[in-house]
Amino acid sequence: MSSFIEAIENITPEIYENLKTAVELGKWSDGRKLTAEQKETCLGAMIAWEMKNLPEEQRTGYMGGQECASKSKSKAPIDTSLFSPASGTRH
């Protein structure tokens, strides 16, 4: 594990951009396809580097101040006309 941490500490912004591009495209700059293990390792390295070097809103996976819709204070009004019987009909 310490070798992974050491590797993260040695990532430059240029190396980070190369890893990011490789993950986005699924291939290295020379055209070779990333294996699933390489993709996983690169993504882990990117996220670890971002935690040390980027503000939260610039990190991979950042979603902003999102909250669950059920916890939202302002709910969209429900159109109840769909639930009332049409005029002149019996149900």
C-alpha atoms as a PDB file:
ATOM      1  CA  MET A   1       0.000   0.000   0.000  1.00  0.00           C
ATOM      2  CA  SER A   2       2.836   2.405   0.735  1.00  0.00           C
ATOM      3  CA  SER A   3       4.060   2.130  -2.870  1.00  0.00           C
ATOM      4  CA  PHE A   4       0.610   3.278  -4.068  1.00  0.00           C
ATOM      5  CA  ILE A   5       0.745   6.251  -1.695  1.00  0.00           C
ATOM      6  CA  GLU A   6       4.266   7.068  -2.844  1.00  0.00           C
ATOM      7  CA  ALA A   7       3.142   6.867  -6.465  1.00  0.00           C
ATOM      8  CA  ILE A   8       0.245   9.264  -5.775  1.00  0.00           C
ATOM      9  CA  GLU A   9       2.620  11.752  -4.162  1.00  0.00           C
ATOM     10  CA  ASN A  10       4.765  11.712  -7.318  1.00  0.00           C
ATOM     11  CA  ILE A  11       1.922  12.389  -9.767  1.00  0.00           C
ATOM     12  CA  THR A  12       2.365  15.715 -11.532  1.00  0.00           C
ATOM     13  CA  PRO A  13      -0.533  17.678 -13.028  1.00  0.00           C
ATOM     14  CA  GLU A  14       0.619  16.479 -16.468  1.00  0.00           C
ATOM     15  CA  ILE A  15       0.574  12.815 -15.397  1.00  0.00           C
ATOM     16  CA  TYR A  16      -2.858  13.356 -13.815  1.00  0.00           C
ATOM     17  CA  GLU A  17      -4.200  14.756 -17.114  1.00  0.00           C
ATOM     18  CA  ASN A  18      -2.756  11.766 -19.002  1.00  0.00           C
ATOM     19  CA  LEU A  19      -4.433   9.333 -16.581  1.00  0.00           C
ATOM     20  CA  LYS A  20      -7.709  11.228 -16.836  1.00  0.00           C
ATOM     21  CA  THR A  21      -7.621  11.157 -20.645  1.00  0.00           C
ATOM     22  CA  ALA A  22      -6.781   7.443 -20.648  1.00  0.00           C
ATOM     23  CA  VAL A  23      -9.742   6.653 -18.362  1.00  0.00           C
ATOM     24  CA  GLU A  24     -12.109   8.864 -20.387  1.00  0.00           C
ATOM     25  CA  LEU A  25     -11.107   7.297 -23.719  1.00  0.00           C
ATOM     26  CA  GLY A  26     -10.407   3.784 -22.453  1.00  0.00           C
ATOM     27  CA  LYS A  27      -7.000   3.730 -24.110  1.00  0.00           C
ATOM     28  CA  TRP A  28      -3.467   4.990 -23.605  1.00  0.00           C
ATOM     29  CA  SER A  29      -2.076   7.840 -25.695  1.00  0.00           C
ATOM     30  CA  ASP A  30      -0.324   5.273 -27.923  1.00  0.00           C
ATOM     31  CA  GLY A  31      -3.688   3.625 -28.719  1.00  0.00           C
ATOM     32  CA  ARG A  32      -3.413   0.513 -26.519  1.00  0.00           C
ATOM     33  CA  LYS A  33      -6.664  -0.335 -24.754  1.00  0.00           C
ATOM     34  CA  LEU A  34      -6.768  -0.073 -20.936  1.00  0.00           C
ATOM     35  CA  THR A  35      -7.531  -3.324 -19.148  1.00  0.00           C
ATOM     36  CA  ALA A  36     -10.220  -3.316 -16.456  1.00  0.00           C
ATOM     37  CA  GLU A  37      -7.476  -3.474 -13.824  1.00  0.00           C
ATOM     38  CA  GLN A  38      -5.615  -0.535 -15.371  1.00  0.00           C
ATOM     39  CA  LYS A  39      -8.810   1.504 -15.527  1.00  0.00           C
ATOM     40  CA  GLU A  40      -9.541   0.765 -11.863  1.00  0.00           C
ATOM     41  CA  THR A  41      -5.988   1.630 -10.789  1.00  0.00           C
ATOM     42  CA  CYS A  42      -5.911   4.848 -12.845  1.00  0.00           C
ATOM     43  CA  LEU A  43      -9.262   5.970 -11.497  1.00  0.00           C
ATOM     44  CA  GLY A  44      -8.157   5.271  -7.927  1.00  0.00           C
ATOM     45  CA  ALA A  45      -4.959   7.244  -8.515  1.00  0.00           C
ATOM     46  CA  MET A  46      -6.913  10.136 -10.034  1.00  0.00           C
ATOM     47  CA  ILE A  47      -9.328  10.312  -7.097  1.00  0.00           C
ATOM     48  CA  ALA A  48      -6.501  10.124  -4.543  1.00  0.00           C
ATOM     49  CA  TRP A  49      -4.552  12.868  -6.355  1.00  0.00           C
ATOM     50  CA  GLU A  50      -7.670  15.052  -6.637  1.00  0.00           C
ATOM     51  CA  MET A  51      -8.317  14.794  -2.887  1.00  0.00           C
ATOM     52  CA  LYS A  52      -4.891  16.302  -2.203  1.00  0.00           C
ATOM     53  CA  ASN A  53      -4.735  18.807  -5.051  1.00  0.00           C
ATOM     54  CA  LEU A  54      -8.182  19.979  -6.161  1.00  0.00           C
ATOM     55  CA  PRO A  55     -11.068  21.748  -4.445  1.00  0.00           C
ATOM     56  CA  GLU A  56     -14.074  19.515  -3.859  1.00  0.00           C
ATOM     57  CA  GLU A  57     -16.164  20.999  -6.681  1.00  0.00           C
ATOM     58  CA  GLN A  58     -13.487  20.093  -9.261  1.00  0.00           C
ATOM     59  CA  ARG A  59     -13.104  16.447  -8.230  1.00  0.00           C
ATOM     60  CA  THR A  60     -14.332  13.397 -10.128  1.00  0.00           C
ATOM     61  CA  GLY A  61     -17.911  12.543  -9.205  1.00  0.00           C
ATOM     62  CA  TYR A  62     -18.744  15.877  -7.563  1.00  0.00           C
ATOM     63  CA  MET A  63     -22.494  16.457  -7.669  1.00  0.00           C
ATOM     64  CA  GLY A  64     -22.823  19.792  -5.873  1.00  0.00           C
ATOM     65  CA  GLY A  65     -25.303  20.504  -3.133  1.00  0.00           C
ATOM     66  CA  GLN A  66     -27.701  17.809  -4.261  1.00  0.00           C
ATOM     67  CA  GLU A  67     -30.105  16.282  -1.794  1.00  0.00           C
ATOM     68  CA  CYS A  68     -32.650  13.552  -1.924  1.00  0.00           C
ATOM     69  CA  ALA A  69     -35.949  14.686  -3.443  1.00  0.00           C
ATOM     70  CA  SER A  70     -37.852  13.379  -0.425  1.00  0.00           C
ATOM     71  CA  LYS A  71     -35.857  15.752   1.780  1.00  0.00           C
ATOM     72  CA  SER A  72     -36.369  18.743  -0.484  1.00  0.00           C
ATOM     73  CA  LYS A  73     -38.300  21.560   1.166  1.00  0.00           C
ATOM     74  CA  SER A  74     -39.856  22.923  -2.001  1.00  0.00           C
ATOM     75  CA  LYS A  75     -41.953  20.233  -3.630  1.00  0.00           C
ATOM     76  CA  ALA A  76     -43.613  20.586  -6.998  1.00  0.00           C
ATOM     77  CA  PRO A  77     -47.387  20.956  -6.716  1.00  0.00           C
ATOM     78  CA  ILE A  78     -49.396  17.843  -7.589  1.00  0.00           C
ATOM     79  CA  ASP A  79     -52.073  18.220 -10.233  1.00  0.00           C
ATOM     80  CA  THR A  80     -55.085  16.684  -8.453  1.00  0.00           C
ATOM     81  CA  SER A  81     -57.393  17.129 -11.464  1.00  0.00           C
ATOM     82  CA  LEU A  82     -56.134  13.770 -12.661  1.00  0.00           C
ATOM     83  CA  PHE A  83     -57.721  12.096  -9.652  1.00  0.00           C
ATOM     84  CA  SER A  84     -61.167  13.726  -9.752  1.00  0.00           C
ATOM     85  CA  PRO A  85     -63.925  12.126 -11.824  1.00  0.00           C
ATOM     86  CA  ALA A  86     -64.796  13.777 -15.118  1.00  0.00           C
ATOM     87  CA  SER A  87     -67.928  15.889 -14.935  1.00  0.00           C
ATOM     88  CA  GLY A  88     -71.116  14.021 -15.822  1.00  0.00           C
ATOM     89  CA  THR A  89     -69.671  10.531 -15.203  1.00  0.00           C
ATOM     90  CA  ARG A  90     -70.368   8.027 -12.452  1.00  0.00           C
ATOM     91  CA  HIS A  91     -67.748   5.844 -10.895  1.00  0.00           C
END
